[in-house]
Protein backbone atom coordinates (compact mmCIF):
# COMPACT_ATOMS: atom_id res chain seq x y z
CA UNK A 1 89.95 -6.03 -37.61
CA UNK A 2 92.06 -7.00 -40.63
CA UNK A 3 90.43 -6.76 -44.03
CA UNK A 4 89.34 -10.06 -45.57
CA UNK A 5 91.90 -11.45 -47.99
CA UNK A 6 90.72 -11.58 -51.58
CA UNK A 7 90.74 -14.93 -53.37
CA UNK A 8 93.52 -15.33 -55.91
CA UNK A 9 93.09 -16.88 -59.35
CA UNK A 10 96.41 -18.62 -59.89
CA UNK A 11 97.89 -19.20 -63.29
CA UNK A 12 97.50 -22.84 -64.35
CA UNK A 13 100.76 -23.81 -66.01
CA UNK A 14 102.33 -27.06 -67.11
CA UNK A 15 103.54 -27.82 -63.57
CA UNK A 16 100.19 -26.97 -61.95
CA UNK A 17 98.90 -23.81 -60.22
CA UNK A 18 101.32 -20.88 -59.99
CA UNK A 19 100.81 -17.79 -57.85
CA UNK A 20 102.69 -14.86 -59.37
CA UNK A 21 104.06 -11.96 -57.37
CA UNK A 22 102.50 -9.54 -59.82
CA UNK A 23 98.73 -9.47 -59.57
CA UNK A 24 95.82 -7.44 -60.88
CA UNK A 25 92.61 -6.69 -59.02
CA UNK A 26 89.40 -8.01 -60.56
CA UNK A 27 86.55 -5.67 -59.67
CA UNK A 28 82.81 -5.90 -59.93
CA UNK A 29 80.73 -3.30 -61.77
CA UNK A 30 80.74 -1.00 -58.73
CA UNK A 31 84.55 -0.97 -58.66
CA UNK A 32 84.77 -3.21 -55.58
CA UNK A 33 87.68 -5.71 -55.76
CA UNK A 34 86.44 -9.32 -55.66
CA UNK A 35 89.61 -11.26 -56.52
CA UNK A 36 93.24 -11.00 -57.54
CA UNK A 37 94.53 -12.39 -60.81
CA UNK A 38 98.11 -13.71 -61.04
CA UNK A 39 99.99 -12.16 -63.96
CA UNK A 40 102.75 -14.37 -65.31
CA UNK A 41 105.91 -13.09 -67.05
CA UNK A 42 107.00 -13.86 -70.60
CA UNK A 43 109.44 -16.57 -69.50
CA UNK A 44 106.62 -18.47 -67.78
CA UNK A 45 104.45 -18.13 -70.89
CA UNK A 46 107.21 -19.36 -73.18
CA UNK A 47 108.09 -22.34 -70.99
CA UNK A 48 104.43 -23.32 -70.63
CA UNK A 49 103.77 -23.29 -74.36
CA UNK A 50 106.94 -25.31 -74.99
CA UNK A 51 105.70 -27.90 -72.46
CA UNK A 52 102.33 -27.98 -74.22
CA UNK A 53 104.10 -28.49 -77.51
CA UNK A 54 106.04 -31.47 -76.16
CA UNK A 55 102.97 -33.15 -74.67
CA UNK A 56 101.26 -35.86 -76.66
CA UNK A 57 97.51 -35.43 -77.11
CA UNK A 58 95.10 -37.91 -75.64
CA UNK A 59 93.57 -40.39 -78.04
CA UNK A 60 90.58 -39.00 -79.92
CA UNK A 61 88.00 -41.03 -77.97
CA UNK A 62 89.63 -40.00 -74.69
CA UNK A 63 89.56 -36.34 -75.69
CA UNK A 64 85.86 -36.39 -76.53
CA UNK A 65 84.97 -38.27 -73.35
CA UNK A 66 87.05 -35.92 -71.18
CA UNK A 67 85.40 -32.83 -72.71
CA UNK A 68 81.99 -34.34 -71.99
CA UNK A 69 82.95 -34.94 -68.35
CA UNK A 70 84.35 -31.41 -68.09
CA UNK A 71 81.10 -29.99 -69.45
CA UNK A 72 79.13 -31.68 -66.67
CA UNK A 73 81.61 -30.56 -64.02
CA UNK A 74 81.56 -26.99 -65.29
CA UNK A 75 77.78 -26.79 -65.10
CA UNK A 76 77.12 -28.65 -61.86
CA UNK A 77 80.14 -29.17 -59.62
CA UNK A 78 81.95 -27.19 -56.97
CA UNK A 79 85.22 -26.20 -58.62
CA UNK A 80 88.10 -24.56 -56.77
CA UNK A 81 85.79 -24.16 -53.79
CA UNK A 82 83.10 -22.33 -55.77
CA UNK A 83 79.62 -23.66 -56.51
CA UNK A 84 78.05 -23.08 -59.90
CA UNK A 85 75.58 -20.66 -58.31
CA UNK A 86 78.40 -18.63 -56.76
CA UNK A 87 80.29 -18.68 -60.07
CA UNK A 88 77.27 -17.37 -61.98
CA UNK A 89 76.64 -14.60 -59.46
CA UNK A 90 80.30 -13.56 -59.62
CA UNK A 91 80.34 -13.46 -63.42
CA UNK A 92 77.17 -11.38 -63.43
CA UNK A 93 78.55 -8.85 -60.94
CA UNK A 94 81.98 -8.67 -62.56
CA UNK A 95 81.04 -8.73 -66.23
CA UNK A 96 77.77 -6.86 -65.84
CA UNK A 97 75.94 -9.55 -67.82
CA UNK A 98 72.39 -10.19 -66.57
CA UNK A 99 72.28 -13.21 -64.27
CA UNK A 100 69.63 -14.93 -66.38
CA UNK A 101 71.97 -14.68 -69.38
CA UNK A 102 74.89 -16.14 -67.39
CA UNK A 103 72.72 -19.06 -66.25
CA UNK A 104 71.57 -19.75 -69.80
CA UNK A 105 75.18 -19.59 -70.99
CA UNK A 106 76.27 -22.16 -68.40
CA UNK A 107 73.70 -24.54 -69.86
CA UNK A 108 74.72 -23.64 -73.42
CA UNK A 109 78.42 -24.30 -72.74
CA UNK A 110 77.54 -27.66 -71.24
CA UNK A 111 75.38 -28.55 -74.23
CA UNK A 112 77.89 -27.39 -76.83
CA UNK A 113 80.80 -29.21 -75.23
CA UNK A 114 78.65 -32.31 -74.87
CA UNK A 115 78.10 -32.26 -78.64
CA UNK A 116 81.65 -31.39 -79.63
CA UNK A 117 82.15 -34.56 -81.66
CA UNK A 118 79.02 -33.84 -83.72
CA UNK A 119 80.22 -30.28 -84.33
CA UNK A 120 83.60 -31.47 -85.58
CA UNK A 121 81.98 -34.12 -87.75
CA UNK A 122 79.94 -31.43 -89.48
CA UNK A 123 83.06 -29.31 -89.97
CA UNK A 124 85.18 -32.13 -91.41
CA UNK A 125 85.23 -32.31 -95.24
CA UNK A 126 82.98 -35.13 -96.36
CA UNK A 127 85.60 -36.99 -98.35
CA UNK A 128 88.20 -37.25 -95.60
CA UNK A 129 89.05 -40.01 -93.17
CA UNK A 130 89.29 -39.16 -89.47
CA UNK A 131 92.47 -41.19 -88.98
CA UNK A 132 95.24 -42.53 -91.20
CA UNK A 133 94.55 -46.02 -89.85
CA UNK A 134 91.21 -46.08 -91.66
CA UNK A 135 91.00 -48.92 -94.23
CA UNK A 136 90.16 -46.23 -96.79
CA UNK A 137 93.78 -45.02 -96.82
CA UNK A 138 95.00 -48.33 -98.28
CA UNK A 139 93.83 -47.17 -101.70
CA UNK A 140 94.52 -43.47 -101.04
CA UNK A 141 92.36 -41.06 -99.08
CA UNK A 142 92.41 -37.53 -97.78
CA UNK A 143 93.05 -37.45 -94.02
CA UNK A 144 92.10 -34.53 -91.78
CA UNK A 145 95.18 -33.41 -89.85
CA UNK A 146 96.23 -30.58 -87.57
CA UNK A 147 98.03 -27.53 -88.94
CA UNK A 148 100.00 -27.27 -85.68
CA UNK A 149 100.27 -28.55 -82.14
CA UNK A 150 99.56 -25.58 -79.86
CA UNK A 151 96.69 -23.11 -79.88
CA UNK A 152 96.58 -19.81 -78.00
CA UNK A 153 93.43 -17.85 -77.13
CA UNK A 154 93.34 -14.17 -76.21
CA UNK A 155 89.88 -14.33 -74.68
CA UNK A 156 87.07 -11.81 -74.61
CA UNK A 157 85.44 -10.62 -71.40
CA UNK A 158 82.12 -9.30 -72.69
CA UNK A 159 80.20 -12.58 -72.54
CA UNK A 160 81.00 -16.01 -71.03
CA UNK A 161 79.62 -17.76 -74.11
CA UNK A 162 82.80 -17.10 -76.08
CA UNK A 163 84.43 -19.90 -74.08
CA UNK A 164 82.23 -22.53 -75.69
CA UNK A 165 84.29 -22.36 -78.89
CA UNK A 166 87.97 -22.94 -78.13
CA UNK A 167 87.54 -26.39 -76.49
CA UNK A 168 87.01 -27.68 -80.04
CA UNK A 169 90.76 -27.25 -80.46
CA UNK A 170 91.33 -29.64 -77.55
CA UNK A 171 88.96 -32.11 -79.17
CA UNK A 172 91.08 -31.96 -82.32
CA UNK A 173 94.24 -32.77 -80.36
CA UNK A 174 95.71 -29.30 -79.95
CA UNK A 175 97.19 -28.29 -76.62
CA UNK A 176 95.60 -25.00 -75.61
CA UNK A 177 96.71 -21.94 -73.62
CA UNK A 178 94.12 -19.30 -72.74
CA UNK A 179 94.95 -15.74 -71.75
CA UNK A 180 91.81 -14.54 -69.94
CA UNK A 181 90.33 -11.08 -70.05
CA UNK A 182 90.97 -9.19 -66.82
CA UNK A 183 87.37 -8.08 -66.95
CA UNK A 184 86.02 -11.62 -66.51
CA UNK A 185 88.58 -14.38 -65.92
CA UNK A 186 86.29 -16.65 -63.91
CA UNK A 187 84.72 -18.56 -66.81
CA UNK A 188 88.00 -19.74 -68.40
CA UNK A 189 89.47 -20.50 -64.96
CA UNK A 190 86.48 -22.67 -64.07
CA UNK A 191 86.40 -24.37 -67.47
CA UNK A 192 90.14 -25.12 -67.59
CA UNK A 193 90.05 -26.46 -64.03
CA UNK A 194 87.14 -28.70 -65.03
CA UNK A 195 89.02 -29.92 -68.11
CA UNK A 196 92.03 -30.81 -65.98
CA UNK A 197 89.88 -32.64 -63.47
CA UNK A 198 88.20 -34.50 -66.34
CA UNK A 199 91.46 -35.93 -67.67
CA UNK A 200 93.42 -33.30 -69.60
CA UNK A 201 96.84 -33.02 -68.04
CA UNK A 202 98.47 -29.83 -66.85
CA UNK A 203 100.58 -29.87 -70.00
CA UNK A 204 97.57 -30.00 -72.33
CA UNK A 205 95.51 -26.97 -71.31
CA UNK A 206 96.74 -23.84 -69.50
CA UNK A 207 95.37 -20.64 -67.98
CA UNK A 208 97.89 -17.83 -68.50
CA UNK A 209 96.87 -14.36 -67.29
CA UNK A 210 99.36 -11.76 -68.52
CA UNK A 211 99.96 -8.11 -69.26
CA UNK A 212 99.58 -6.97 -72.87
CA UNK A 213 103.28 -7.40 -73.69
CA UNK A 214 103.24 -11.03 -72.59
CA UNK A 215 100.17 -11.62 -74.72
CA UNK A 216 102.32 -11.11 -77.80
CA UNK A 217 104.79 -13.63 -76.38
CA UNK A 218 101.96 -16.16 -76.18
CA UNK A 219 100.94 -15.60 -79.79
CA UNK A 220 104.53 -15.93 -81.01
CA UNK A 221 105.02 -19.16 -79.06
CA UNK A 222 101.84 -20.90 -80.26
CA UNK A 223 101.36 -22.44 -83.69
CA UNK A 224 97.86 -21.00 -84.18
CA UNK A 225 95.89 -18.39 -82.25
CA UNK A 226 92.40 -17.02 -81.74
CA UNK A 227 92.16 -13.34 -80.79
CA UNK A 228 89.10 -11.35 -79.74
CA UNK A 229 89.03 -7.57 -79.93
CA UNK A 230 88.02 -4.39 -81.70
CA UNK A 231 89.43 -2.41 -84.60
CA UNK A 232 92.79 -1.93 -82.85
CA UNK A 233 93.24 -5.70 -82.62
CA UNK A 234 92.25 -6.18 -86.25
CA UNK A 235 94.82 -3.59 -87.34
CA UNK A 236 97.52 -5.23 -85.22
CA UNK A 237 97.02 -8.88 -86.18
CA UNK A 238 95.01 -8.69 -89.40
CA UNK A 239 97.97 -9.60 -91.60
CA UNK A 240 99.02 -12.69 -89.64
CA UNK A 241 97.73 -15.90 -91.28
CA UNK A 242 98.29 -17.85 -88.06
CA UNK A 243 95.86 -15.62 -86.12
CA UNK A 244 92.09 -16.00 -86.38
CA UNK A 245 90.38 -12.71 -85.50
CA UNK A 246 87.01 -12.39 -83.83
CA UNK A 247 86.17 -8.69 -84.07
CA UNK A 248 83.02 -6.59 -84.27
CA UNK A 249 80.08 -8.39 -85.87
CA UNK A 250 78.09 -5.43 -87.23
CA UNK A 251 75.10 -7.75 -87.63
CA UNK A 252 72.14 -6.33 -89.52
CA UNK A 253 68.48 -6.78 -90.37
CA UNK A 254 67.16 -5.95 -93.83
CA UNK A 255 63.46 -5.33 -94.49
CA UNK A 256 62.44 -4.94 -98.13
CA UNK A 257 59.28 -3.27 -99.37
CA UNK A 258 57.52 -6.57 -100.10
CA UNK A 259 57.57 -7.48 -96.38
CA UNK A 260 55.54 -5.94 -93.57
CA UNK A 261 57.92 -5.53 -90.62
CA UNK A 262 55.16 -5.40 -87.97
CA UNK A 263 54.73 -9.19 -87.56
CA UNK A 264 58.52 -9.40 -87.03
CA UNK A 265 58.86 -6.66 -84.41
CA UNK A 266 59.45 -9.19 -81.63
CA UNK A 267 62.30 -10.75 -83.60
CA UNK A 268 63.82 -7.37 -84.44
CA UNK A 269 63.64 -6.26 -80.80
CA UNK A 270 65.16 -9.53 -79.58
CA UNK A 271 67.94 -9.27 -82.15
CA UNK A 272 68.93 -5.89 -80.75
CA UNK A 273 68.56 -6.60 -77.02
CA UNK A 274 68.73 -10.38 -76.59
CA UNK A 275 71.46 -11.71 -74.27
CA UNK A 276 71.95 -8.16 -73.03
CA UNK A 277 72.77 -6.77 -76.46
CA UNK A 278 76.49 -7.29 -75.86
CA UNK A 279 77.33 -9.83 -78.55
CA UNK A 280 78.74 -9.62 -82.05
CA UNK A 281 75.56 -11.34 -83.25
CA UNK A 282 73.27 -8.66 -81.83
CA UNK A 283 71.76 -6.35 -84.43
CA UNK A 284 73.43 -2.96 -84.72
CA UNK A 285 71.76 -1.72 -87.91
CA UNK A 286 68.28 -2.16 -89.40
CA UNK A 287 67.84 -1.23 -93.06
CA UNK A 288 64.29 -0.54 -94.23
CA UNK A 289 63.20 -0.13 -97.83
CA UNK A 290 60.88 2.85 -97.62
CA UNK A 291 60.34 5.15 -94.66
CA UNK A 292 62.33 3.80 -91.65
CA UNK A 293 60.65 6.11 -89.10
CA UNK A 294 57.64 3.91 -88.19
CA UNK A 295 59.88 0.92 -87.49
CA UNK A 296 62.35 3.04 -85.53
CA UNK A 297 59.55 4.48 -83.40
CA UNK A 298 58.00 1.07 -82.69
CA UNK A 299 61.38 -0.46 -81.87
CA UNK A 300 62.20 2.41 -79.51
CA UNK A 301 58.87 1.92 -77.71
CA UNK A 302 59.67 -1.76 -77.15
CA UNK A 303 63.21 -1.16 -75.96
CA UNK A 304 62.21 1.71 -73.67
CA UNK A 305 60.12 -0.73 -71.62
CA UNK A 306 63.13 -2.85 -70.58
CA UNK A 307 63.77 -2.60 -66.82
CA UNK A 308 66.78 -0.86 -65.26
CA UNK A 309 68.13 -3.31 -62.68
CA UNK A 310 71.47 -4.49 -61.24
CA UNK A 311 72.88 -7.44 -63.17
CA UNK A 312 72.35 -10.02 -60.41
CA UNK A 313 68.59 -9.34 -60.33
CA UNK A 314 66.66 -12.26 -61.81
CA UNK A 315 64.64 -9.82 -63.94
CA UNK A 316 67.64 -7.92 -65.31
CA UNK A 317 68.00 -7.92 -69.12
CA UNK A 318 70.38 -5.00 -69.75
CA UNK A 319 74.17 -4.88 -69.29
CA UNK A 320 75.83 -2.98 -66.45
CA UNK A 321 79.27 -1.42 -66.28
CA UNK A 322 81.26 0.72 -63.92
CA UNK A 323 79.65 4.17 -63.91
CA UNK A 324 82.75 5.88 -65.33
CA UNK A 325 82.94 3.39 -68.19
CA UNK A 326 79.22 3.72 -68.84
CA UNK A 327 79.47 7.51 -68.99
CA UNK A 328 82.42 7.29 -71.39
CA UNK A 329 80.38 5.03 -73.68
CA UNK A 330 77.47 7.44 -73.40
CA UNK A 331 79.67 10.41 -74.36
CA UNK A 332 81.06 8.46 -77.33
CA UNK A 333 77.56 7.57 -78.53
CA UNK A 334 76.25 11.13 -78.22
CA UNK A 335 79.22 12.49 -80.16
CA UNK A 336 78.82 9.92 -82.94
CA UNK A 337 75.05 10.35 -83.09
CA UNK A 338 75.17 14.14 -83.50
CA UNK A 339 72.91 15.17 -86.35
CA UNK A 340 70.86 11.95 -86.36
CA UNK A 341 67.27 11.58 -85.19
CA UNK A 342 67.17 10.06 -81.72
CA UNK A 343 64.11 7.95 -81.01
CA UNK A 344 65.63 6.62 -77.78
CA UNK A 345 68.81 7.43 -75.87
CA UNK A 346 69.25 10.94 -77.22
CA UNK A 347 69.58 12.33 -73.69
CA UNK A 348 71.98 9.59 -72.57
CA UNK A 349 72.10 5.87 -71.89
CA UNK A 350 73.92 5.57 -68.54
CA UNK A 351 71.35 4.94 -65.78
CA UNK A 352 73.17 5.26 -62.44
CA UNK A 353 72.41 2.52 -59.90
CA UNK A 354 73.89 4.47 -56.98
CA UNK A 355 76.66 1.99 -56.13
CA UNK A 356 79.28 3.11 -58.64
CA UNK A 357 77.71 1.18 -61.50
CA UNK A 358 75.29 2.12 -64.25
CA UNK A 359 72.91 0.25 -66.55
CA UNK A 360 73.49 0.84 -70.25
CA UNK A 361 69.98 1.49 -71.53
CA UNK A 362 68.98 1.08 -75.18
CA UNK A 363 69.45 3.64 -77.92
CA UNK A 364 67.69 3.95 -81.28
CA UNK A 365 68.88 6.49 -83.83
CA UNK A 366 67.62 7.08 -87.35
CA UNK A 367 70.08 7.75 -90.16
CA UNK A 368 69.40 9.49 -93.46
CA UNK A 369 71.21 6.94 -95.63
CA UNK A 370 72.33 3.32 -95.45
CA UNK A 371 76.02 4.11 -95.92
CA UNK A 372 76.16 6.69 -93.11
CA UNK A 373 79.33 6.13 -91.02
CA UNK A 374 77.27 5.49 -87.87
CA UNK A 375 75.90 2.29 -89.44
CA UNK A 376 79.29 0.69 -88.77
CA UNK A 377 79.39 1.54 -85.06
CA UNK A 378 78.96 -1.37 -82.66
CA UNK A 379 78.65 -0.70 -78.92
CA UNK A 380 78.40 -3.22 -76.02
CA UNK A 381 74.72 -2.66 -75.23
CA UNK A 382 71.44 -2.49 -77.20
CA UNK A 383 72.32 0.33 -79.59
CA UNK A 384 70.81 0.27 -83.07
CA UNK A 385 70.90 2.50 -86.12
CA UNK A 386 67.83 2.47 -88.40
CA UNK A 387 68.36 3.62 -91.97
CA UNK A 388 66.56 3.71 -95.33
CA UNK A 389 67.52 1.07 -97.89
CA UNK A 390 67.47 1.56 -101.65
CA UNK A 391 67.27 -1.54 -103.81
CA UNK A 392 69.61 0.19 -106.25
CA UNK A 393 72.35 -0.09 -103.61
CA UNK A 394 72.17 -3.88 -103.81
CA UNK A 395 74.05 -5.56 -100.97
CA UNK A 396 76.74 -2.90 -100.58
CA UNK A 397 75.35 -1.57 -97.25
CA UNK A 398 75.27 -5.14 -95.88
CA UNK A 399 78.85 -6.13 -96.59
CA UNK A 400 81.11 -6.81 -93.62
CA UNK A 401 78.31 -8.28 -91.49
CA UNK A 402 78.68 -11.35 -89.32
CA UNK A 403 74.93 -12.03 -89.60
CA UNK A 404 72.24 -10.63 -91.87
CA UNK A 405 68.60 -11.43 -91.14
CA UNK A 406 66.75 -10.73 -94.37
CA UNK A 407 63.01 -10.12 -94.21
CA UNK A 408 62.36 -10.31 -97.93
CA UNK A 409 60.75 -12.38 -100.63
CA UNK A 410 63.43 -11.47 -103.17
CA UNK A 411 65.33 -14.70 -103.90
CA UNK A 412 67.84 -12.96 -106.17
CA UNK A 413 68.74 -10.68 -103.27
CA UNK A 414 69.11 -13.72 -101.01
CA UNK A 415 71.39 -15.33 -103.60
CA UNK A 416 73.61 -12.25 -103.50
CA UNK A 417 73.68 -12.16 -99.71
CA UNK A 418 74.58 -15.84 -99.40
CA UNK A 419 77.35 -15.68 -102.01
CA UNK A 420 78.87 -12.43 -100.64
CA UNK A 421 82.26 -13.37 -99.10
CA UNK A 422 82.16 -10.68 -96.38
CA UNK A 423 78.82 -11.79 -94.92
CA UNK A 424 79.26 -14.56 -92.36
CA UNK A 425 75.73 -15.94 -92.00
CA UNK A 426 72.33 -15.31 -93.59
CA UNK A 427 69.00 -15.85 -91.83
CA UNK A 428 66.16 -15.63 -94.31
CA UNK A 429 62.90 -14.87 -92.52
CA UNK A 430 61.80 -14.82 -88.89
CA UNK A 431 65.09 -15.69 -87.17
CA UNK A 432 66.96 -13.34 -84.80
CA UNK A 433 70.53 -12.47 -85.69
CA UNK A 434 71.80 -14.17 -82.52
CA UNK A 435 70.33 -17.57 -83.48
CA UNK A 436 72.92 -20.35 -83.57
CA UNK A 437 72.20 -24.03 -84.07
CA UNK A 438 74.17 -27.05 -82.79
CA UNK A 439 77.15 -27.87 -84.95
CA UNK A 440 76.73 -24.86 -87.23
CA UNK A 441 79.51 -22.33 -87.86
CA UNK A 442 79.58 -19.01 -86.03
CA UNK A 443 82.13 -17.24 -88.19
CA UNK A 444 83.12 -20.22 -90.26
CA UNK A 445 84.11 -23.39 -88.45
CA UNK A 446 87.06 -23.04 -86.08
CA UNK A 447 88.23 -26.38 -87.48
CA UNK A 448 88.65 -24.80 -90.93
CA UNK A 449 91.42 -22.69 -89.40
CA UNK A 450 92.96 -25.48 -87.33
CA UNK A 451 92.90 -28.42 -89.75
CA UNK A 452 93.86 -29.35 -93.30
CA UNK A 453 93.38 -32.32 -95.58
CA UNK A 454 96.39 -34.29 -96.82
CA UNK A 455 96.56 -37.38 -99.00
CA UNK A 456 97.61 -40.62 -97.32
CA UNK A 457 98.11 -43.95 -99.10
CA UNK A 458 99.58 -46.99 -97.41
CA UNK A 459 100.19 -50.69 -97.95
């Protein structure tokens, strides 16, 4: 009997679906192929972005309405022959994200896209007009306008929630091309298909899987770009003003001596392990003024109780990866943690599931100082470094953090945290580092990168 043919995720170019000769296998966490991904050449990328550039955007009201329809389709409809339930199961098995997290993310993407106009309204400078036709421009007014016409996204594959951000560019009138991660291409494929069905033409939003070389072609062709990645990506693109980088978050919790951490242990634990512990907003370092050992021990006890289950289990809460990848991460952690006190994970973190995959179980290590090099290590599972904090160090150990949750009554310290340019967000009090509210910036507003204000006066 012939083997069943794998489904193929076609590229979605300006002329419609395109099935490339060159393809890459998409595997689940056990290493089993589940689909093939078309990989388009540089010429296809260049021609697609040029077509996007030539296309006129929909009117603003049409864009917002189409995104709202796409949000509903994404979360409820059968798209490309796949139900939402089948999509969520596939993403869980391929990305290793717990199924409950994928389901919650489906709802979150729908909600965020449904409120995209409100989000952009909050991002727009208060003194600007939305359109040059506003009566306000007759006497002179700042108008919010695009910095370019095309927007490229080199997408992440660690969590489907990253795809709730870039549709804001469509809402602003950009034409968008997304290069998916080979690890998890199903979310952008489903979302872009939904956007096309909702009214965005083939020449307004594209799905362009490529090799790494063609990814650079995409960035060169687009006016502005959003790139996800680690330190290697930051080194490569960090000097390009047309590229917005989304790198490691290194989010932290600070507990000062005037605050008892025990009532906040649930929040600290959730900050480390919530959503599978895979995000840039998950806590990687906890700084404690005083002896950090009691908090480290209590946190380790909480995290040790999390179940070891395959990702598609309804009770799963921890991420899963291919066993070889999990063991490589484990070896990296053990090498970096040498000489630290291990409260959890000192003997390893890769729990084999027997099918070629492994759960990445939590790790808690205690450092001897806040500026230890390990405090800057971020790994894609619940891994946290607990270190002593000295008030004399000020905010130096907290710089370079996407989120800081500060459990403190020191308002001067909060002033310093909030005004520090390298800290993205500050949560003062009982709020997990992964908390995000509707319309609020994640790492600044995307619109700040995509838009500018210019003066318009007319008769």
